[in-house]
Amino acid sequence: MKKIKGIIDRFEEGFAVVEIEGTTKDYPKSIFPKETQVEDVVYITGDKVKIDKTETKKLAKEIEDLMNEVWED
């Protein structure tokens, strides 16, 4: 079974909206661990989801660095 890497975009009415390679896809919120948050990096294999906290922290740092570059005067 294929492992899909995605980023949690938002939660809507029982669904998790996951960004995968620039597009979004809805998954049942029930398959995600309860601690899943917006912007978490996740790996989805069938109906199993694993949160990658290391990748999530790395992504947050990259975004923070980009924001700092944009707002520097």
C-alpha atoms as a PDB file:
ATOM      1  CA  MET A   1       0.000   0.000   0.000  1.00  0.00           C
ATOM      2  CA  LYS A   2       1.305   3.447  -0.945  1.00  0.00           C
ATOM      3  CA  LYS A   3       2.417   5.869   1.769  1.00  0.00           C
ATOM      4  CA  ILE A   4       1.225   9.442   1.111  1.00  0.00           C
ATOM      5  CA  LYS A   5       2.962  12.457   2.649  1.00  0.00           C
ATOM      6  CA  GLY A   6       0.736  15.445   3.369  1.00  0.00           C
ATOM      7  CA  ILE A   7       0.288  18.525   5.524  1.00  0.00           C
ATOM      8  CA  ILE A   8      -2.867  19.172   7.529  1.00  0.00           C
ATOM      9  CA  ASP A   9      -4.466  22.277   6.021  1.00  0.00           C
ATOM     10  CA  ARG A  10      -7.605  22.452   8.178  1.00  0.00           C
ATOM     11  CA  PHE A  11     -10.414  20.480   9.779  1.00  0.00           C
ATOM     12  CA  GLU A  12     -14.006  20.733   8.500  1.00  0.00           C
ATOM     13  CA  GLU A  13     -17.114  18.920   9.760  1.00  0.00           C
ATOM     14  CA  GLY A  14     -15.585  15.530  10.471  1.00  0.00           C
ATOM     15  CA  PHE A  15     -12.914  15.764   7.792  1.00  0.00           C
ATOM     16  CA  ALA A  16      -9.233  16.604   7.752  1.00  0.00           C
ATOM     17  CA  VAL A  17      -8.256  18.568   4.650  1.00  0.00           C
ATOM     18  CA  VAL A  18      -4.755  17.461   3.706  1.00  0.00           C
ATOM     19  CA  GLU A  19      -2.464  19.193   1.222  1.00  0.00           C
ATOM     20  CA  ILE A  20      -0.657  16.656  -0.932  1.00  0.00           C
ATOM     21  CA  GLU A  21       1.761  17.931  -3.580  1.00  0.00           C
ATOM     22  CA  GLY A  22      -0.096  21.217  -4.012  1.00  0.00           C
ATOM     23  CA  THR A  23      -3.643  19.858  -4.053  1.00  0.00           C
ATOM     24  CA  THR A  24      -6.006  19.119  -1.178  1.00  0.00           C
ATOM     25  CA  LYS A  25      -7.885  15.958  -0.346  1.00  0.00           C
ATOM     26  CA  ASP A  26     -10.434  15.250   2.382  1.00  0.00           C
ATOM     27  CA  TYR A  27      -9.955  12.317   4.744  1.00  0.00           C
ATOM     28  CA  PRO A  28     -12.209  11.202   7.600  1.00  0.00           C
ATOM     29  CA  LYS A  29     -11.007  12.957  10.750  1.00  0.00           C
ATOM     30  CA  SER A  30     -11.571   9.691  12.631  1.00  0.00           C
ATOM     31  CA  ILE A  31      -8.464   8.042  11.092  1.00  0.00           C
ATOM     32  CA  PHE A  32      -6.152  10.744  12.488  1.00  0.00           C
ATOM     33  CA  PRO A  33      -4.605  10.601  15.959  1.00  0.00           C
ATOM     34  CA  LYS A  34      -6.456  12.885  18.391  1.00  0.00           C
ATOM     35  CA  GLU A  35      -3.378  15.108  18.823  1.00  0.00           C
ATOM     36  CA  THR A  36      -3.198  15.951  15.094  1.00  0.00           C
ATOM     37  CA  GLN A  37      -3.020  19.716  14.507  1.00  0.00           C
ATOM     38  CA  VAL A  38      -3.148  22.085  11.552  1.00  0.00           C
ATOM     39  CA  GLU A  39       0.256  22.249   9.790  1.00  0.00           C
ATOM     40  CA  ASP A  40       1.324  18.796  11.014  1.00  0.00           C
ATOM     41  CA  VAL A  41       3.213  16.699   8.475  1.00  0.00           C
ATOM     42  CA  VAL A  42       1.496  13.309   8.230  1.00  0.00           C
ATOM     43  CA  TYR A  43       2.014  10.024   6.440  1.00  0.00           C
ATOM     44  CA  ILE A  44      -1.174   8.283   5.347  1.00  0.00           C
ATOM     45  CA  THR A  45      -1.168   4.580   4.482  1.00  0.00           C
ATOM     46  CA  GLY A  46      -4.674   3.336   3.787  1.00  0.00           C
ATOM     47  CA  ASP A  47      -6.625   4.174   6.931  1.00  0.00           C
ATOM     48  CA  LYS A  48      -3.527   4.551   9.132  1.00  0.00           C
ATOM     49  CA  VAL A  49      -2.016   7.967   9.828  1.00  0.00           C
ATOM     50  CA  LYS A  50       1.318   8.769  11.452  1.00  0.00           C
ATOM     51  CA  ILE A  51       2.317  12.290  12.501  1.00  0.00           C
ATOM     52  CA  ASP A  52       5.941  13.167  11.745  1.00  0.00           C
ATOM     53  CA  LYS A  53       6.797  15.673  14.494  1.00  0.00           C
ATOM     54  CA  THR A  54      10.389  16.056  13.237  1.00  0.00           C
ATOM     55  CA  GLU A  55       9.214  17.049   9.747  1.00  0.00           C
ATOM     56  CA  THR A  56       6.529  19.290  11.260  1.00  0.00           C
ATOM     57  CA  LYS A  57       9.145  21.189  13.307  1.00  0.00           C
ATOM     58  CA  LYS A  58      11.449  21.435  10.280  1.00  0.00           C
ATOM     59  CA  LEU A  59       8.623  22.835   8.122  1.00  0.00           C
ATOM     60  CA  ALA A  60       7.642  25.348  10.829  1.00  0.00           C
ATOM     61  CA  LYS A  61      11.269  26.541  11.010  1.00  0.00           C
ATOM     62  CA  GLU A  62      11.464  26.925   7.210  1.00  0.00           C
ATOM     63  CA  ILE A  63       8.240  28.968   7.211  1.00  0.00           C
ATOM     64  CA  GLU A  64       9.478  31.116  10.103  1.00  0.00           C
ATOM     65  CA  ASP A  65      12.787  31.764   8.308  1.00  0.00           C
ATOM     66  CA  LEU A  66      10.959  32.737   5.107  1.00  0.00           C
ATOM     67  CA  MET A  67       8.654  35.085   7.010  1.00  0.00           C
ATOM     68  CA  ASN A  68      11.644  36.712   8.705  1.00  0.00           C
ATOM     69  CA  GLU A  69      13.282  37.279   5.303  1.00  0.00           C
ATOM     70  CA  VAL A  70      10.109  38.824   3.890  1.00  0.00           C
ATOM     71  CA  TRP A  71       9.609  41.193   6.833  1.00  0.00           C
ATOM     72  CA  GLU A  72      13.246  42.294   7.224  1.00  0.00           C
ATOM     73  CA  ASP A  73      13.831  45.971   6.398  1.00  0.00           C
END
